[in-house]
Full PDB file with SEQRES, HELIX, SHEET, SSBOND, CRYST1, ORIGX, SCALE, CONECT and MASTER records, all heavy atoms in Angstrom:
SEQRES   1 A   34  HIS ARG GLY LEU LEU PRO ALA SER GLU ALA SER ALA THR          
SEQRES   2 A   34  ARG VAL THR LEU LEU ARG GLU SER PRO PHE ILE ASP HIS          
SEQRES   3 A   34  ALA GLU ASP GLY CYS PRO GLN LEU                              
HELIX    1 AA1 HIS A   26  ASP A   29  5                                   4    
SHEET    1 AA1 2 ALA A   7  ALA A  10  0                                        
SHEET    2 AA1 2 VAL A  15  LEU A  17 -1                                        
CRYST1    1.000    1.000    1.000  90.00  90.00  90.00 P 1           1          
ORIGX1      1.000000  0.000000  0.000000        0.00000                         
ORIGX2      0.000000  1.000000  0.000000        0.00000                         
ORIGX3      0.000000  0.000000  1.000000        0.00000                         
SCALE1      1.000000  0.000000  0.000000        0.00000                         
SCALE2      0.000000  1.000000  0.000000        0.00000                         
SCALE3      0.000000  0.000000  1.000000        0.00000                         
ATOM      1  N   HIS A   1     104.918  76.346 104.590  1.00  0.00           N  
ATOM      2  CA  HIS A   1     104.255  77.687 104.807  1.00  0.00           C  
ATOM      3  C   HIS A   1     104.766  78.614 103.779  1.00  0.00           C  
ATOM      4  O   HIS A   1     106.053  78.629 103.502  1.00  0.00           O  
ATOM      5  CB  HIS A   1     104.490  78.206 106.245  1.00  0.00           C  
ATOM      6  CG  HIS A   1     103.854  77.641 107.338  1.00  0.00           C  
ATOM      7  ND1 HIS A   1     104.117  77.958 108.525  1.00  0.00           N  
ATOM      8  CD2 HIS A   1     102.627  76.869 107.307  1.00  0.00           C  
ATOM      9  CE1 HIS A   1     103.256  77.245 109.441  1.00  0.00           C  
ATOM     10  NE2 HIS A   1     102.389  76.635 108.706  1.00  0.00           N  
ATOM     11  N   ARG A   2     103.976  79.322 102.943  1.00  0.00           N  
ATOM     12  CA  ARG A   2     104.391  80.379 102.095  1.00  0.00           C  
ATOM     13  C   ARG A   2     103.368  81.527 102.083  1.00  0.00           C  
ATOM     14  O   ARG A   2     102.110  81.304 102.352  1.00  0.00           O  
ATOM     15  CB  ARG A   2     104.469  79.723 100.754  1.00  0.00           C  
ATOM     16  CG  ARG A   2     103.158  79.274 100.107  1.00  0.00           C  
ATOM     17  CD  ARG A   2     102.676  77.969 100.493  1.00  0.00           C  
ATOM     18  NE  ARG A   2     101.611  77.432  99.819  1.00  0.00           N  
ATOM     19  CZ  ARG A   2     100.962  76.317  99.939  1.00  0.00           C  
ATOM     20  NH1 ARG A   2     101.281  75.579 101.185  1.00  0.00           N  
ATOM     21  NH2 ARG A   2      99.914  75.883  99.232  1.00  0.00           N  
ATOM     22  N   GLY A   3     103.839  82.700 101.915  1.00  0.00           N  
ATOM     23  CA  GLY A   3     103.181  83.958 101.849  1.00  0.00           C  
ATOM     24  C   GLY A   3     103.949  85.103 101.056  1.00  0.00           C  
ATOM     25  O   GLY A   3     105.180  85.045 100.980  1.00  0.00           O  
ATOM     26  N   LEU A   4     103.154  85.942 100.676  1.00  0.00           N  
ATOM     27  CA  LEU A   4     103.784  87.113  99.878  1.00  0.00           C  
ATOM     28  C   LEU A   4     103.931  88.294 100.754  1.00  0.00           C  
ATOM     29  O   LEU A   4     103.074  88.672 101.538  1.00  0.00           O  
ATOM     30  CB  LEU A   4     102.948  87.514  98.690  1.00  0.00           C  
ATOM     31  CG  LEU A   4     102.826  86.555  97.591  1.00  0.00           C  
ATOM     32  CD1 LEU A   4     101.977  87.047  96.465  1.00  0.00           C  
ATOM     33  CD2 LEU A   4     104.192  86.304  96.946  1.00  0.00           C  
ATOM     34  N   LEU A   5     105.140  88.943 100.758  1.00  0.00           N  
ATOM     35  CA  LEU A   5     105.563  90.058 101.475  1.00  0.00           C  
ATOM     36  C   LEU A   5     106.054  91.139 100.511  1.00  0.00           C  
ATOM     37  O   LEU A   5     106.743  90.896  99.505  1.00  0.00           O  
ATOM     38  CB  LEU A   5     106.560  89.790 102.548  1.00  0.00           C  
ATOM     39  CG  LEU A   5     106.116  88.748 103.669  1.00  0.00           C  
ATOM     40  CD1 LEU A   5     107.366  88.435 104.521  1.00  0.00           C  
ATOM     41  CD2 LEU A   5     104.992  89.334 104.426  1.00  0.00           C  
ATOM     42  N   PRO A   6     105.697  92.489 100.836  1.00  0.00           N  
ATOM     43  CA  PRO A   6     106.208  93.480  99.964  1.00  0.00           C  
ATOM     44  C   PRO A   6     107.657  93.752 100.121  1.00  0.00           C  
ATOM     45  O   PRO A   6     108.122  93.788 101.264  1.00  0.00           O  
ATOM     46  CB  PRO A   6     105.301  94.729 100.541  1.00  0.00           C  
ATOM     47  CG  PRO A   6     105.026  94.441 101.843  1.00  0.00           C  
ATOM     48  CD  PRO A   6     104.926  92.992 102.007  1.00  0.00           C  
ATOM     49  N   ALA A   7     108.395  93.972  98.990  1.00  0.00           N  
ATOM     50  CA  ALA A   7     109.775  94.232  99.081  1.00  0.00           C  
ATOM     51  C   ALA A   7     110.215  95.387  98.257  1.00  0.00           C  
ATOM     52  O   ALA A   7     109.579  95.777  97.280  1.00  0.00           O  
ATOM     53  CB  ALA A   7     110.536  92.909  98.523  1.00  0.00           C  
ATOM     54  N   SER A   8     111.255  95.935  98.709  1.00  0.00           N  
ATOM     55  CA  SER A   8     111.869  97.082  97.763  1.00  0.00           C  
ATOM     56  C   SER A   8     112.856  96.510  96.794  1.00  0.00           C  
ATOM     57  O   SER A   8     113.138  97.181  95.754  1.00  0.00           O  
ATOM     58  CB  SER A   8     112.702  98.148  98.749  1.00  0.00           C  
ATOM     59  OG  SER A   8     113.666  97.407  99.445  1.00  0.00           O  
ATOM     60  N   GLU A   9     113.271  95.337  97.000  1.00  0.00           N  
ATOM     61  CA  GLU A   9     114.241  94.611  96.140  1.00  0.00           C  
ATOM     62  C   GLU A   9     114.008  93.221  96.171  1.00  0.00           C  
ATOM     63  O   GLU A   9     113.941  92.537  97.303  1.00  0.00           O  
ATOM     64  CB  GLU A   9     115.718  94.986  96.517  1.00  0.00           C  
ATOM     65  CG  GLU A   9     116.758  94.323  95.481  1.00  0.00           C  
ATOM     66  CD  GLU A   9     118.144  94.537  95.848  1.00  0.00           C  
ATOM     67  OE1 GLU A   9     118.346  95.254  96.878  1.00  0.00           O  
ATOM     68  OE2 GLU A   9     118.993  94.114  95.254  1.00  0.00           O  
ATOM     69  N   ALA A  10     113.812  92.538  95.156  1.00  0.00           N  
ATOM     70  CA  ALA A  10     113.599  91.049  95.081  1.00  0.00           C  
ATOM     71  C   ALA A  10     114.323  90.475  93.943  1.00  0.00           C  
ATOM     72  O   ALA A  10     113.849  90.536  92.721  1.00  0.00           O  
ATOM     73  CB  ALA A  10     112.121  90.855  95.202  1.00  0.00           C  
ATOM     74  N   SER A  11     115.444  89.801  94.123  1.00  0.00           N  
ATOM     75  CA  SER A  11     116.174  89.171  92.974  1.00  0.00           C  
ATOM     76  C   SER A  11     116.618  87.786  93.467  1.00  0.00           C  
ATOM     77  O   SER A  11     116.427  87.390  94.689  1.00  0.00           O  
ATOM     78  CB  SER A  11     117.343  89.949  92.544  1.00  0.00           C  
ATOM     79  OG  SER A  11     118.340  90.069  93.600  1.00  0.00           O  
ATOM     80  N   ALA A  12     117.126  87.127  92.556  1.00  0.00           N  
ATOM     81  CA  ALA A  12     117.712  85.716  92.926  1.00  0.00           C  
ATOM     82  C   ALA A  12     118.733  85.731  93.981  1.00  0.00           C  
ATOM     83  O   ALA A  12     118.860  84.732  94.772  1.00  0.00           O  
ATOM     84  CB  ALA A  12     118.115  85.073  91.609  1.00  0.00           C  
ATOM     85  N   THR A  13     119.470  86.770  94.135  1.00  0.00           N  
ATOM     86  CA  THR A  13     120.614  86.920  95.033  1.00  0.00           C  
ATOM     87  C   THR A  13     120.255  87.775  96.202  1.00  0.00           C  
ATOM     88  O   THR A  13     120.922  87.694  97.291  1.00  0.00           O  
ATOM     89  CB  THR A  13     121.852  87.435  94.472  1.00  0.00           C  
ATOM     90  OG1 THR A  13     121.554  88.744  93.807  1.00  0.00           O  
ATOM     91  CG2 THR A  13     122.210  86.527  93.275  1.00  0.00           C  
ATOM     92  N   ARG A  14     119.324  88.520  96.249  1.00  0.00           N  
ATOM     93  CA  ARG A  14     118.937  89.532  97.395  1.00  0.00           C  
ATOM     94  C   ARG A  14     117.481  89.739  97.387  1.00  0.00           C  
ATOM     95  O   ARG A  14     116.878  90.179  96.345  1.00  0.00           O  
ATOM     96  CB  ARG A  14     119.769  90.779  97.217  1.00  0.00           C  
ATOM     97  CG  ARG A  14     119.624  91.663  98.361  1.00  0.00           C  
ATOM     98  CD  ARG A  14     120.610  92.845  98.122  1.00  0.00           C  
ATOM     99  NE  ARG A  14     120.417  93.871  99.141  1.00  0.00           N  
ATOM    100  CZ  ARG A  14     121.054  93.842 100.436  1.00  0.00           C  
ATOM    101  NH1 ARG A  14     121.877  92.856 100.586  1.00  0.00           N  
ATOM    102  NH2 ARG A  14     120.875  94.897 101.272  1.00  0.00           N  
ATOM    103  N   VAL A  15     116.944  89.749  98.637  1.00  0.00           N  
ATOM    104  CA  VAL A  15     115.597  90.216  98.846  1.00  0.00           C  
ATOM    105  C   VAL A  15     115.599  91.176 100.120  1.00  0.00           C  
ATOM    106  O   VAL A  15     116.130  90.809 101.018  1.00  0.00           O  
ATOM    107  CB  VAL A  15     114.682  89.101  99.171  1.00  0.00           C  
ATOM    108  CG1 VAL A  15     113.346  89.607  99.596  1.00  0.00           C  
ATOM    109  CG2 VAL A  15     114.494  88.116  97.930  1.00  0.00           C  
ATOM    110  N   THR A  16     115.105  92.348  99.801  1.00  0.00           N  
ATOM    111  CA  THR A  16     114.989  93.426 100.951  1.00  0.00           C  
ATOM    112  C   THR A  16     113.541  93.762 101.071  1.00  0.00           C  
ATOM    113  O   THR A  16     112.855  94.331 100.260  1.00  0.00           O  
ATOM    114  CB  THR A  16     115.829  94.718 100.497  1.00  0.00           C  
ATOM    115  OG1 THR A  16     117.106  94.205 100.243  1.00  0.00           O  
ATOM    116  CG2 THR A  16     115.842  95.616 101.820  1.00  0.00           C  
ATOM    117  N   LEU A  17     112.988  93.333 102.230  1.00  0.00           N  
ATOM    118  CA  LEU A  17     111.547  93.737 102.546  1.00  0.00           C  
ATOM    119  C   LEU A  17     111.482  95.125 102.924  1.00  0.00           C  
ATOM    120  O   LEU A  17     112.388  95.888 103.331  1.00  0.00           O  
ATOM    121  CB  LEU A  17     111.073  92.854 103.704  1.00  0.00           C  
ATOM    122  CG  LEU A  17     111.108  91.281 103.536  1.00  0.00           C  
ATOM    123  CD1 LEU A  17     110.554  90.608 104.767  1.00  0.00           C  
ATOM    124  CD2 LEU A  17     110.401  90.844 102.389  1.00  0.00           C  
ATOM    125  N   LEU A  18     110.216  95.688 102.497  1.00  0.00           N  
ATOM    126  CA  LEU A  18     110.078  97.028 103.015  1.00  0.00           C  
ATOM    127  C   LEU A  18     110.131  97.111 104.545  1.00  0.00           C  
ATOM    128  O   LEU A  18     109.642  96.152 105.245  1.00  0.00           O  
ATOM    129  CB  LEU A  18     108.594  97.517 102.583  1.00  0.00           C  
ATOM    130  CG  LEU A  18     108.368  97.591 101.049  1.00  0.00           C  
ATOM    131  CD1 LEU A  18     106.913  98.093 100.771  1.00  0.00           C  
ATOM    132  CD2 LEU A  18     109.393  98.501 100.375  1.00  0.00           C  
ATOM    133  N   ARG A  19     110.556  98.392 105.084  1.00  0.00           N  
ATOM    134  CA  ARG A  19     110.685  98.373 106.492  1.00  0.00           C  
ATOM    135  C   ARG A  19     109.407  98.775 107.169  1.00  0.00           C  
ATOM    136  O   ARG A  19     109.189  98.475 108.310  1.00  0.00           O  
ATOM    137  CB  ARG A  19     111.747  99.459 106.799  1.00  0.00           C  
ATOM    138  CG  ARG A  19     113.150  99.123 106.431  1.00  0.00           C  
ATOM    139  CD  ARG A  19     114.124 100.251 106.775  1.00  0.00           C  
ATOM    140  NE  ARG A  19     114.084 100.760 108.183  1.00  0.00           N  
ATOM    141  CZ  ARG A  19     114.476 101.954 108.534  1.00  0.00           C  
ATOM    142  NH1 ARG A  19     115.163 102.676 107.611  1.00  0.00           N  
ATOM    143  NH2 ARG A  19     114.352 102.241 109.624  1.00  0.00           N  
ATOM    144  N   GLU A  20     108.543  99.395 106.529  1.00  0.00           N  
ATOM    145  CA  GLU A  20     107.125  99.675 107.092  1.00  0.00           C  
ATOM    146  C   GLU A  20     106.046  99.219 106.155  1.00  0.00           C  
ATOM    147  O   GLU A  20     106.181  99.011 105.031  1.00  0.00           O  
ATOM    148  CB  GLU A  20     107.056 101.343 107.246  1.00  0.00           C  
ATOM    149  CG  GLU A  20     108.025 101.802 108.346  1.00  0.00           C  
ATOM    150  CD  GLU A  20     107.800 103.245 108.575  1.00  0.00           C  
ATOM    151  OE1 GLU A  20     106.897 103.854 107.883  1.00  0.00           O  
ATOM    152  OE2 GLU A  20     108.404 103.928 109.485  1.00  0.00           O  
ATOM    153  N   SER A  21     104.857  99.023 106.695  1.00  0.00           N  
ATOM    154  CA  SER A  21     103.669  98.566 106.056  1.00  0.00           C  
ATOM    155  C   SER A  21     103.122  99.768 105.370  1.00  0.00           C  
ATOM    156  O   SER A  21     102.612 100.669 106.009  1.00  0.00           O  
ATOM    157  CB  SER A  21     102.687  97.948 107.083  1.00  0.00           C  
ATOM    158  OG  SER A  21     103.393  96.772 107.557  1.00  0.00           O  
ATOM    159  N   PRO A  22     103.056  99.763 103.970  1.00  0.00           N  
ATOM    160  CA  PRO A  22     102.484 100.879 103.312  1.00  0.00           C  
ATOM    161  C   PRO A  22     101.041 101.082 103.519  1.00  0.00           C  
ATOM    162  O   PRO A  22     100.238 100.117 103.406  1.00  0.00           O  
ATOM    163  CB  PRO A  22     102.797 100.599 101.791  1.00  0.00           C  
ATOM    164  CG  PRO A  22     103.902  99.537 101.765  1.00  0.00           C  
ATOM    165  CD  PRO A  22     103.622  98.693 103.019  1.00  0.00           C  
ATOM    166  N   PHE A  23     100.627 102.307 103.828  1.00  0.00           N  
ATOM    167  CA  PHE A  23      99.274 102.707 103.825  1.00  0.00           C  
ATOM    168  C   PHE A  23      99.044 103.689 102.668  1.00  0.00           C  
ATOM    169  O   PHE A  23      99.613 104.669 102.545  1.00  0.00           O  
ATOM    170  CB  PHE A  23      98.853 103.395 105.253  1.00  0.00           C  
ATOM    171  CG  PHE A  23      97.398 103.824 105.303  1.00  0.00           C  
ATOM    172  CD1 PHE A  23      96.552 102.915 105.716  1.00  0.00           C  
ATOM    173  CD2 PHE A  23      97.094 105.161 104.988  1.00  0.00           C  
ATOM    174  CE1 PHE A  23      95.197 103.252 105.721  1.00  0.00           C  
ATOM    175  CE2 PHE A  23      95.723 105.505 105.190  1.00  0.00           C  
ATOM    176  CZ  PHE A  23      94.861 104.624 105.446  1.00  0.00           C  
ATOM    177  N   ILE A  24      98.079 103.195 101.765  1.00  0.00           N  
ATOM    178  CA  ILE A  24      97.950 103.891 100.550  1.00  0.00           C  
ATOM    179  C   ILE A  24      96.569 104.504 100.422  1.00  0.00           C  
ATOM    180  O   ILE A  24      95.529 103.850 100.655  1.00  0.00           O  
ATOM    181  CB  ILE A  24      98.211 102.970  99.361  1.00  0.00           C  
ATOM    182  CG1 ILE A  24      99.608 102.264  99.384  1.00  0.00           C  
ATOM    183  CG2 ILE A  24      98.103 103.638  97.986  1.00  0.00           C  
ATOM    184  CD1 ILE A  24      99.829 101.157  98.540  1.00  0.00           C  
ATOM    185  N   ASP A  25      96.571 105.850 100.168  1.00  0.00           N  
ATOM    186  CA  ASP A  25      95.245 106.584  99.821  1.00  0.00           C  
ATOM    187  C   ASP A  25      95.104 106.523  98.309  1.00  0.00           C  
ATOM    188  O   ASP A  25      95.754 107.099  97.623  1.00  0.00           O  
ATOM    189  CB  ASP A  25      95.324 107.916 100.434  1.00  0.00           C  
ATOM    190  CG  ASP A  25      94.101 108.659 100.215  1.00  0.00           C  
ATOM    191  OD1 ASP A  25      93.217 108.224  99.590  1.00  0.00           O  
ATOM    192  OD2 ASP A  25      93.836 109.804 100.874  1.00  0.00           O  
ATOM    193  N   HIS A  26      94.017 105.909  97.810  1.00  0.00           N  
ATOM    194  CA  HIS A  26      93.826 105.743  96.490  1.00  0.00           C  
ATOM    195  C   HIS A  26      93.097 106.869  95.819  1.00  0.00           C  
ATOM    196  O   HIS A  26      92.662 106.803  94.709  1.00  0.00           O  
ATOM    197  CB  HIS A  26      93.214 104.372  96.038  1.00  0.00           C  
ATOM    198  CG  HIS A  26      93.963 103.202  96.359  1.00  0.00           C  
ATOM    199  ND1 HIS A  26      95.057 102.970  95.670  1.00  0.00           N  
ATOM    200  CD2 HIS A  26      93.980 102.263  97.348  1.00  0.00           C  
ATOM    201  CE1 HIS A  26      95.738 101.832  96.093  1.00  0.00           C  
ATOM    202  NE2 HIS A  26      94.984 101.414  97.081  1.00  0.00           N  
ATOM    203  N   ALA A  27      92.930 107.939  96.677  1.00  0.00           N  
ATOM    204  CA  ALA A  27      92.367 109.147  95.981  1.00  0.00           C  
ATOM    205  C   ALA A  27      93.363 109.693  94.881  1.00  0.00           C  
ATOM    206  O   ALA A  27      92.814 110.201  93.837  1.00  0.00           O  
ATOM    207  CB  ALA A  27      92.245 110.265  97.081  1.00  0.00           C  
ATOM    208  N   GLU A  28      94.662 109.499  95.042  1.00  0.00           N  
ATOM    209  CA  GLU A  28      95.540 109.745  93.862  1.00  0.00           C  
ATOM    210  C   GLU A  28      95.299 109.018  92.661  1.00  0.00           C  
ATOM    211  O   GLU A  28      95.652 109.407  91.592  1.00  0.00           O  
ATOM    212  CB  GLU A  28      97.032 109.450  94.406  1.00  0.00           C  
ATOM    213  CG  GLU A  28      97.403 110.226  95.576  1.00  0.00           C  
ATOM    214  CD  GLU A  28      98.793 109.907  96.092  1.00  0.00           C  
ATOM    215  OE1 GLU A  28      99.559 109.532  95.188  1.00  0.00           O  
ATOM    216  OE2 GLU A  28      99.043 109.984  97.241  1.00  0.00           O  
ATOM    217  N   ASP A  29      94.610 107.850  92.758  1.00  0.00           N  
ATOM    218  CA  ASP A  29      94.194 107.099  91.581  1.00  0.00           C  
ATOM    219  C   ASP A  29      92.842 107.208  91.071  1.00  0.00           C  
ATOM    220  O   ASP A  29      92.304 106.527  90.206  1.00  0.00           O  
ATOM    221  CB  ASP A  29      94.461 105.617  91.897  1.00  0.00           C  
ATOM    222  CG  ASP A  29      95.815 105.191  92.539  1.00  0.00           C  
ATOM    223  OD1 ASP A  29      96.764 105.530  91.718  1.00  0.00           O  
ATOM    224  OD2 ASP A  29      95.906 104.547  93.515  1.00  0.00           O  
ATOM    225  N   GLY A  30      92.125 108.317  91.673  1.00  0.00           N  
ATOM    226  CA  GLY A  30      90.832 108.542  91.296  1.00  0.00           C  
ATOM    227  C   GLY A  30      89.820 107.679  91.967  1.00  0.00           C  
ATOM    228  O   GLY A  30      88.608 107.653  91.609  1.00  0.00           O  
ATOM    229  N   CYS A  31      90.133 107.144  93.157  1.00  0.00           N  
ATOM    230  CA  CYS A  31      89.255 106.384  93.995  1.00  0.00           C  
ATOM    231  C   CYS A  31      89.249 106.920  95.438  1.00  0.00           C  
ATOM    232  O   CYS A  31      89.723 106.311  96.337  1.00  0.00           O  
ATOM    233  CB  CYS A  31      89.748 104.920  93.901  1.00  0.00           C  
ATOM    234  SG  CYS A  31      89.716 104.072  92.363  1.00  0.00           S  
ATOM    235  N   PRO A  32      88.647 108.123  95.688  1.00  0.00           N  
ATOM    236  CA  PRO A  32      88.673 108.603  97.098  1.00  0.00           C  
ATOM    237  C   PRO A  32      87.947 107.843  97.974  1.00  0.00           C  
ATOM    238  O   PRO A  32      86.877 107.090  97.472  1.00  0.00           O  
ATOM    239  CB  PRO A  32      87.959 110.000  96.895  1.00  0.00           C  
ATOM    240  CG  PRO A  32      87.319 109.906  95.462  1.00  0.00           C  
ATOM    241  CD  PRO A  32      88.095 108.994  94.659  1.00  0.00           C  
ATOM    242  N   GLN A  33      88.325 107.650  99.162  1.00  0.00           N  
ATOM    243  CA  GLN A  33      87.737 106.802 100.207  1.00  0.00           C  
ATOM    244  C   GLN A  33      88.057 105.366 100.027  1.00  0.00           C  
ATOM    245  O   GLN A  33      87.445 104.602 100.731  1.00  0.00           O  
ATOM    246  CB  GLN A  33      86.345 107.030 100.381  1.00  0.00           C  
ATOM    247  CG  GLN A  33      85.924 108.519 100.797  1.00  0.00           C  
ATOM    248  CD  GLN A  33      86.696 108.949 102.096  1.00  0.00           C  
ATOM    249  OE1 GLN A  33      87.703 109.667 101.970  1.00  0.00           O  
ATOM    250  NE2 GLN A  33      86.270 108.590 103.247  1.00  0.00           N  
ATOM    251  N   LEU A  34      88.906 104.984  99.124  1.00  0.00           N  
ATOM    252  CA  LEU A  34      89.542 103.681  98.999  1.00  0.00           C  
ATOM    253  C   LEU A  34      90.983 103.638  99.496  1.00  0.00           C  
ATOM    254  O   LEU A  34      91.727 104.432  99.001  1.00  0.00           O  
ATOM    255  CB  LEU A  34      89.422 103.121  97.606  1.00  0.00           C  
ATOM    256  CG  LEU A  34      90.047 101.763  97.308  1.00  0.00           C  
ATOM    257  CD1 LEU A  34      89.276 100.697  98.069  1.00  0.00           C  
ATOM    258  CD2 LEU A  34      90.105 101.530  95.927  1.00  0.00           C  
TER     259      LEU A  34                                                      
MASTER        0    0    0    1    2    0    0    6  258    1    0    3          
END                                                                             
């Protein structure tokens, strides 16, 4: 089993996953309603 998870730090010696699932409003990127 393998899958990708978001991390705040990911190195060969230490991986720290994000504590919360990010919800992103892409209006800041010029894509409102995405």
